[in-house]
Structures are given as structure tokens and as C-alpha cells.
PDB file of all heavy atoms in Angstrom:
ATOM      1  N   LEU A   1    -145.524  63.273 -12.714  1.00  0.00           N
ATOM      2  CA  LEU A   1    -144.552  62.172 -12.913  1.00  0.00           C
ATOM      3  C   LEU A   1    -145.239  61.017 -13.690  1.00  0.00           C
ATOM      4  O   LEU A   1    -144.593  60.429 -14.394  1.00  0.00           O
ATOM      5  CB  LEU A   1    -144.039  61.605 -11.631  1.00  0.00           C
ATOM      6  CG  LEU A   1    -142.942  62.476 -10.962  1.00  0.00           C
ATOM      7  CD1 LEU A   1    -142.355  61.909  -9.647  1.00  0.00           C
ATOM      8  CD2 LEU A   1    -141.766  62.707 -11.921  1.00  0.00           C
ATOM      9  N   THR A   2    -146.598  60.822 -13.427  1.00  0.00           N
ATOM     10  CA  THR A   2    -147.354  59.796 -14.200  1.00  0.00           C
ATOM     11  C   THR A   2    -147.205  60.156 -15.682  1.00  0.00           C
ATOM     12  O   THR A   2    -146.958  59.274 -16.549  1.00  0.00           O
ATOM     13  CB  THR A   2    -148.643  59.622 -13.767  1.00  0.00           C
ATOM     14  OG1 THR A   2    -148.676  59.325 -12.322  1.00  0.00           O
ATOM     15  CG2 THR A   2    -149.432  58.649 -14.587  1.00  0.00           C
ATOM     16  N   LEU A   3    -147.523  61.307 -16.019  1.00  0.00           N
ATOM     17  CA  LEU A   3    -147.498  61.823 -17.425  1.00  0.00           C
ATOM     18  C   LEU A   3    -146.116  61.722 -18.021  1.00  0.00           C
ATOM     19  O   LEU A   3    -145.975  61.332 -19.229  1.00  0.00           O
ATOM     20  CB  LEU A   3    -148.083  63.265 -17.593  1.00  0.00           C
ATOM     21  CG  LEU A   3    -149.494  63.417 -17.405  1.00  0.00           C
ATOM     22  CD1 LEU A   3    -149.971  64.796 -17.419  1.00  0.00           C
ATOM     23  CD2 LEU A   3    -150.377  62.587 -18.349  1.00  0.00           C
ATOM     24  N   LEU A   4    -145.126  62.093 -17.291  1.00  0.00           N
ATOM     25  CA  LEU A   4    -143.657  61.922 -17.742  1.00  0.00           C
ATOM     26  C   LEU A   4    -143.366  60.424 -17.950  1.00  0.00           C
ATOM     27  O   LEU A   4    -142.675  60.063 -18.905  1.00  0.00           O
ATOM     28  CB  LEU A   4    -142.737  62.547 -16.825  1.00  0.00           C
ATOM     29  CG  LEU A   4    -142.650  64.081 -16.663  1.00  0.00           C
ATOM     30  CD1 LEU A   4    -141.840  64.623 -15.615  1.00  0.00           C
ATOM     31  CD2 LEU A   4    -142.295  64.656 -18.065  1.00  0.00           C
ATOM     32  N   ARG A   5    -143.904  59.564 -17.066  1.00  0.00           N
ATOM     33  CA  ARG A   5    -143.656  58.164 -17.144  1.00  0.00           C
ATOM     34  C   ARG A   5    -144.347  57.590 -18.533  1.00  0.00           C
ATOM     35  O   ARG A   5    -143.652  56.874 -19.210  1.00  0.00           O
ATOM     36  CB  ARG A   5    -144.252  57.373 -16.013  1.00  0.00           C
ATOM     37  CG  ARG A   5    -144.149  55.919 -16.130  1.00  0.00           C
ATOM     38  CD  ARG A   5    -144.848  55.223 -14.886  1.00  0.00           C
ATOM     39  NE  ARG A   5    -145.132  53.831 -15.147  1.00  0.00           N
ATOM     40  CZ  ARG A   5    -144.152  52.824 -15.050  1.00  0.00           C
ATOM     41  NH1 ARG A   5    -143.025  53.027 -14.640  1.00  0.00           N
ATOM     42  NH2 ARG A   5    -144.677  51.673 -15.306  1.00  0.00           N
ATOM     43  N   LEU A   6    -145.547  58.114 -18.743  1.00  0.00           N
ATOM     44  CA  LEU A   6    -146.216  57.545 -19.949  1.00  0.00           C
ATOM     45  C   LEU A   6    -145.468  58.209 -21.156  1.00  0.00           C
ATOM     46  O   LEU A   6    -145.370  57.428 -22.143  1.00  0.00           O
ATOM     47  CB  LEU A   6    -147.697  58.014 -19.869  1.00  0.00           C
ATOM     48  CG  LEU A   6    -148.547  57.386 -18.771  1.00  0.00           C
ATOM     49  CD1 LEU A   6    -149.892  58.032 -18.844  1.00  0.00           C
ATOM     50  CD2 LEU A   6    -148.612  55.898 -18.850  1.00  0.00           C
ATOM     51  N   GLY A   7    -145.037  59.452 -21.142  1.00  0.00           N
ATOM     52  CA  GLY A   7    -144.372  60.052 -22.282  1.00  0.00           C
ATOM     53  C   GLY A   7    -143.070  59.328 -22.482  1.00  0.00           C
ATOM     54  O   GLY A   7    -142.754  59.031 -23.700  1.00  0.00           O
ATOM     55  N   SER A   8    -142.334  59.205 -21.482  1.00  0.00           N
ATOM     56  CA  SER A   8    -141.032  58.439 -21.696  1.00  0.00           C
ATOM     57  C   SER A   8    -141.220  57.014 -22.210  1.00  0.00           C
ATOM     58  O   SER A   8    -140.289  56.522 -22.889  1.00  0.00           O
ATOM     59  CB  SER A   8    -140.222  58.544 -20.425  1.00  0.00           C
ATOM     60  OG  SER A   8    -140.698  57.714 -19.452  1.00  0.00           O
ATOM     61  N   THR A   9    -142.319  56.420 -21.825  1.00  0.00           N
ATOM     62  CA  THR A   9    -142.488  55.036 -22.249  1.00  0.00           C
ATOM     63  C   THR A   9    -142.676  54.916 -23.786  1.00  0.00           C
ATOM     64  O   THR A   9    -142.215  54.116 -24.480  1.00  0.00           O
ATOM     65  CB  THR A   9    -143.804  54.301 -21.492  1.00  0.00           C
ATOM     66  OG1 THR A   9    -143.487  54.387 -20.086  1.00  0.00           O
ATOM     67  CG2 THR A   9    -144.102  53.003 -21.987  1.00  0.00           C
ATOM     68  N   VAL A  10    -143.472  56.048 -24.244  1.00  0.00           N
ATOM     69  CA  VAL A  10    -143.715  56.134 -25.672  1.00  0.00           C
ATOM     70  C   VAL A  10    -142.393  56.440 -26.363  1.00  0.00           C
ATOM     71  O   VAL A  10    -142.100  55.856 -27.475  1.00  0.00           O
ATOM     72  CB  VAL A  10    -144.886  57.120 -26.060  1.00  0.00           C
ATOM     73  CG1 VAL A  10    -144.841  57.443 -27.393  1.00  0.00           C
ATOM     74  CG2 VAL A  10    -146.044  56.678 -25.479  1.00  0.00           C
ATOM     75  N   TRP A  11    -141.625  57.429 -25.925  1.00  0.00           N
ATOM     76  CA  TRP A  11    -140.412  57.931 -26.441  1.00  0.00           C
ATOM     77  C   TRP A  11    -139.368  56.846 -26.482  1.00  0.00           C
ATOM     78  O   TRP A  11    -138.563  56.660 -27.405  1.00  0.00           O
ATOM     79  CB  TRP A  11    -140.092  59.265 -25.894  1.00  0.00           C
ATOM     80  CG  TRP A  11    -138.918  59.851 -26.678  1.00  0.00           C
ATOM     81  CD1 TRP A  11    -138.879  60.255 -27.967  1.00  0.00           C
ATOM     82  CD2 TRP A  11    -137.595  60.236 -26.106  1.00  0.00           C
ATOM     83  NE1 TRP A  11    -137.518  60.841 -28.229  1.00  0.00           N
ATOM     84  CE2 TRP A  11    -136.757  60.861 -27.100  1.00  0.00           C
ATOM     85  CE3 TRP A  11    -137.068  60.115 -24.743  1.00  0.00           C
ATOM     86  CZ2 TRP A  11    -135.573  61.175 -26.847  1.00  0.00           C
ATOM     87  CZ3 TRP A  11    -135.749  60.580 -24.427  1.00  0.00           C
ATOM     88  CH2 TRP A  11    -135.099  61.055 -25.634  1.00  0.00           C
ATOM     89  N   LEU A  12    -139.136  56.345 -25.300  1.00  0.00           N
ATOM     90  CA  LEU A  12    -137.962  55.368 -25.163  1.00  0.00           C
ATOM     91  C   LEU A  12    -138.393  53.973 -25.198  1.00  0.00           C
ATOM     92  O   LEU A  12    -137.481  53.093 -25.146  1.00  0.00           O
ATOM     93  CB  LEU A  12    -137.315  55.547 -23.712  1.00  0.00           C
ATOM     94  CG  LEU A  12    -136.830  56.959 -23.359  1.00  0.00           C
ATOM     95  CD1 LEU A  12    -136.427  57.107 -21.929  1.00  0.00           C
ATOM     96  CD2 LEU A  12    -135.585  57.288 -24.335  1.00  0.00           C
ATOM     97  N   SER A  13    -139.705  53.602 -25.423  1.00  0.00           N
ATOM     98  CA  SER A  13    -140.142  52.319 -25.380  1.00  0.00           C
ATOM     99  C   SER A  13    -139.866  51.510 -24.051  1.00  0.00           C
ATOM    100  O   SER A  13    -139.855  50.373 -24.041  1.00  0.00           O
ATOM    101  CB  SER A  13    -139.534  51.502 -26.528  1.00  0.00           C
ATOM    102  OG  SER A  13    -139.778  52.060 -27.806  1.00  0.00           O
ATOM    103  N   ALA A  14    -139.736  52.329 -22.971  1.00  0.00           N
ATOM    104  CA  ALA A  14    -139.462  51.788 -21.577  1.00  0.00           C
ATOM    105  C   ALA A  14    -139.905  52.923 -20.734  1.00  0.00           C
ATOM    106  O   ALA A  14    -139.639  54.120 -21.066  1.00  0.00           O
ATOM    107  CB  ALA A  14    -138.090  51.353 -21.449  1.00  0.00           C
ATOM    108  N   PRO A  15    -140.505  52.602 -19.504  1.00  0.00           N
ATOM    109  CA  PRO A  15    -140.831  53.742 -18.660  1.00  0.00           C
ATOM    110  C   PRO A  15    -139.576  54.371 -18.045  1.00  0.00           C
ATOM    111  O   PRO A  15    -138.566  53.790 -17.776  1.00  0.00           O
ATOM    112  CB  PRO A  15    -141.545  52.976 -17.478  1.00  0.00           C
ATOM    113  CG  PRO A  15    -141.225  51.560 -17.665  1.00  0.00           C
ATOM    114  CD  PRO A  15    -140.801  51.299 -19.079  1.00  0.00           C
ATOM    115  N   GLY A  16    -139.681  55.771 -18.056  1.00  0.00           N
ATOM    116  CA  GLY A  16    -138.508  56.658 -17.520  1.00  0.00           C
ATOM    117  C   GLY A  16    -138.564  56.641 -16.007  1.00  0.00           C
ATOM    118  O   GLY A  16    -137.436  56.870 -15.398  1.00  0.00           O
ATOM    119  N   PHE A  17    -139.757  56.393 -15.400  1.00  0.00           N
ATOM    120  CA  PHE A  17    -139.814  56.527 -13.965  1.00  0.00           C
ATOM    121  C   PHE A  17    -140.540  55.191 -13.610  1.00  0.00           C
ATOM    122  O   PHE A  17    -141.427  54.748 -14.311  1.00  0.00           O
ATOM    123  CB  PHE A  17    -140.634  57.676 -13.486  1.00  0.00           C
ATOM    124  CG  PHE A  17    -140.043  58.994 -13.964  1.00  0.00           C
ATOM    125  CD1 PHE A  17    -140.665  59.649 -15.109  1.00  0.00           C
ATOM    126  CD2 PHE A  17    -139.123  59.567 -13.277  1.00  0.00           C
ATOM    127  CE1 PHE A  17    -140.134  60.831 -15.524  1.00  0.00           C
ATOM    128  CE2 PHE A  17    -138.611  60.801 -13.684  1.00  0.00           C
ATOM    129  CZ  PHE A  17    -139.146  61.403 -14.836  1.00  0.00           C
ATOM    130  N   GLY A  18    -140.311  54.732 -12.326  1.00  0.00           N
ATOM    131  CA  GLY A  18    -140.987  53.657 -11.785  1.00  0.00           C
ATOM    132  C   GLY A  18    -142.248  54.171 -10.914  1.00  0.00           C
ATOM    133  O   GLY A  18    -142.333  55.347 -10.686  1.00  0.00           O
ATOM    134  N   TRP A  19    -143.123  53.220 -10.704  1.00  0.00           N
ATOM    135  CA  TRP A  19    -144.257  53.677  -9.881  1.00  0.00           C
ATOM    136  C   TRP A  19    -143.867  54.130  -8.570  1.00  0.00           C
ATOM    137  O   TRP A  19    -144.552  54.914  -7.896  1.00  0.00           O
ATOM    138  CB  TRP A  19    -145.374  52.607  -9.904  1.00  0.00           C
ATOM    139  CG  TRP A  19    -146.089  52.490 -11.187  1.00  0.00           C
ATOM    140  CD1 TRP A  19    -146.101  51.373 -12.176  1.00  0.00           C
ATOM    141  CD2 TRP A  19    -146.825  53.452 -11.943  1.00  0.00           C
ATOM    142  NE1 TRP A  19    -146.665  51.629 -13.221  1.00  0.00           N
ATOM    143  CE2 TRP A  19    -147.300  52.925 -13.089  1.00  0.00           C
ATOM    144  CE3 TRP A  19    -147.249  54.688 -11.507  1.00  0.00           C
ATOM    145  CZ2 TRP A  19    -148.072  53.606 -13.992  1.00  0.00           C
ATOM    146  CZ3 TRP A  19    -148.165  55.343 -12.437  1.00  0.00           C
ATOM    147  CH2 TRP A  19    -148.464  54.786 -13.655  1.00  0.00           C
ATOM    148  N   GLY A  20    -142.737  53.512  -7.995  1.00  0.00           N
ATOM    149  CA  GLY A  20    -142.220  53.933  -6.630  1.00  0.00           C
ATOM    150  C   GLY A  20    -141.927  55.378  -6.612  1.00  0.00           C
ATOM    151  O   GLY A  20    -142.169  56.198  -5.613  1.00  0.00           O
ATOM    152  N   ASP A  21    -141.367  55.936  -7.743  1.00  0.00           N
ATOM    153  CA  ASP A  21    -141.042  57.340  -7.898  1.00  0.00           C
ATOM    154  C   ASP A  21    -142.233  58.253  -7.839  1.00  0.00           C
ATOM    155  O   ASP A  21    -142.328  59.245  -7.178  1.00  0.00           O
ATOM    156  CB  ASP A  21    -140.278  57.644  -9.139  1.00  0.00           C
ATOM    157  CG  ASP A  21    -138.908  56.784  -9.224  1.00  0.00           C
ATOM    158  OD1 ASP A  21    -138.282  56.711  -8.169  1.00  0.00           O
ATOM    159  OD2 ASP A  21    -138.617  56.186 -10.266  1.00  0.00           O
ATOM    160  N   VAL A  22    -143.283  57.712  -8.579  1.00  0.00           N
ATOM    161  CA  VAL A  22    -144.573  58.450  -8.621  1.00  0.00           C
ATOM    162  C   VAL A  22    -145.155  58.497  -7.190  1.00  0.00           C
ATOM    163  O   VAL A  22    -145.681  59.573  -6.729  1.00  0.00           O
ATOM    164  CB  VAL A  22    -145.612  57.829  -9.534  1.00  0.00           C
ATOM    165  CG1 VAL A  22    -146.935  58.457  -9.473  1.00  0.00           C
ATOM    166  CG2 VAL A  22    -144.974  57.864 -11.044  1.00  0.00           C
ATOM    167  N   LYS A  23    -145.126  57.302  -6.572  1.00  0.00           N
ATOM    168  CA  LYS A  23    -145.737  57.243  -5.224  1.00  0.00           C
ATOM    169  C   LYS A  23    -144.999  58.051  -4.193  1.00  0.00           C
ATOM    170  O   LYS A  23    -145.533  58.708  -3.152  1.00  0.00           O
ATOM    171  CB  LYS A  23    -145.904  55.805  -4.653  1.00  0.00           C
ATOM    172  CG  LYS A  23    -146.878  55.009  -5.454  1.00  0.00           C
ATOM    173  CD  LYS A  23    -146.992  53.599  -4.936  1.00  0.00           C
ATOM    174  CE  LYS A  23    -145.964  52.732  -5.663  1.00  0.00           C
ATOM    175  NZ  LYS A  23    -146.137  51.250  -5.218  1.00  0.00           N
ATOM    176  N   LEU A  24    -143.641  58.179  -4.339  1.00  0.00           N
ATOM    177  CA  LEU A  24    -142.808  59.019  -3.492  1.00  0.00           C
ATOM    178  C   LEU A  24    -143.053  60.527  -3.613  1.00  0.00           C
ATOM    179  O   LEU A  24    -142.828  61.256  -2.726  1.00  0.00           O
ATOM    180  CB  LEU A  24    -141.312  58.739  -3.842  1.00  0.00           C
ATOM    181  CG  LEU A  24    -140.261  59.112  -2.825  1.00  0.00           C
ATOM    182  CD1 LEU A  24    -140.615  58.304  -1.565  1.00  0.00           C
ATOM    183  CD2 LEU A  24    -138.895  58.755  -3.352  1.00  0.00           C
ATOM    184  N   SER A  25    -143.609  60.941  -4.741  1.00  0.00           N
ATOM    185  CA  SER A  25    -143.956  62.342  -4.985  1.00  0.00           C
ATOM    186  C   SER A  25    -145.071  62.775  -4.144  1.00  0.00           C
ATOM    187  O   SER A  25    -145.187  64.002  -3.760  1.00  0.00           O
ATOM    188  CB  SER A  25    -144.186  62.676  -6.389  1.00  0.00           C
ATOM    189  OG  SER A  25    -145.421  62.090  -6.803  1.00  0.00           O
ATOM    190  N   VAL A  26    -145.980  62.001  -3.649  1.00  0.00           N
ATOM    191  CA  VAL A  26    -147.137  62.256  -2.857  1.00  0.00           C
ATOM    192  C   VAL A  26    -146.801  62.823  -1.463  1.00  0.00           C
ATOM    193  O   VAL A  26    -147.062  63.876  -1.150  1.00  0.00           O
ATOM    194  CB  VAL A  26    -148.113  61.056  -2.754  1.00  0.00           C
ATOM    195  CG1 VAL A  26    -149.201  61.377  -1.748  1.00  0.00           C
ATOM    196  CG2 VAL A  26    -148.639  60.694  -4.087  1.00  0.00           C
ATOM    197  N   PRO A  27    -145.864  62.087  -0.670  1.00  0.00           N
ATOM    198  CA  PRO A  27    -145.386  62.663   0.654  1.00  0.00           C
ATOM    199  C   PRO A  27    -144.586  63.945   0.377  1.00  0.00           C
ATOM    200  O   PRO A  27    -144.710  64.803   1.231  1.00  0.00           O
ATOM    201  CB  PRO A  27    -144.802  61.592   1.364  1.00  0.00           C
ATOM    202  CG  PRO A  27    -144.328  60.591   0.311  1.00  0.00           C
ATOM    203  CD  PRO A  27    -145.533  60.777  -0.794  1.00  0.00           C
ATOM    204  N   LEU A  28    -143.939  63.889  -0.693  1.00  0.00           N
ATOM    205  CA  LEU A  28    -143.057  65.123  -1.000  1.00  0.00           C
ATOM    206  C   LEU A  28    -143.966  66.324  -1.110  1.00  0.00           C
ATOM    207  O   LEU A  28    -143.638  67.450  -0.641  1.00  0.00           O
ATOM    208  CB  LEU A  28    -142.146  64.889  -2.194  1.00  0.00           C
ATOM    209  CG  LEU A  28    -141.109  65.837  -2.446  1.00  0.00           C
ATOM    210  CD1 LEU A  28    -140.134  65.803  -1.399  1.00  0.00           C
ATOM    211  CD2 LEU A  28    -140.326  65.320  -3.727  1.00  0.00           C
ATOM    212  N   GLY A  29    -145.027  66.207  -1.869  1.00  0.00           N
ATOM    213  CA  GLY A  29    -145.998  67.288  -2.121  1.00  0.00           C
ATOM    214  C   GLY A  29    -146.712  67.676  -0.862  1.00  0.00           C
ATOM    215  O   GLY A  29    -146.936  68.800  -0.656  1.00  0.00           O
TER     216      GLY A  29
END
């Protein structure tokens, strides 16, 4: 999700995911 966030930031000029989404993936995993 961090890589997707960084990629979407470059592509869309805005982050596609928030850091909360990234942090939420940890307990999910």
C-alpha cells in the first residue's frame, strides 16, 4: 500500500491512499 500510495502520488499528483489505510493493513495482515 505504501508503494501504491507513492505511485498514485506521482501519477495523480495526490496520494491515492492515506497513511491510515497503510496502517490498517498491518492488523489485517
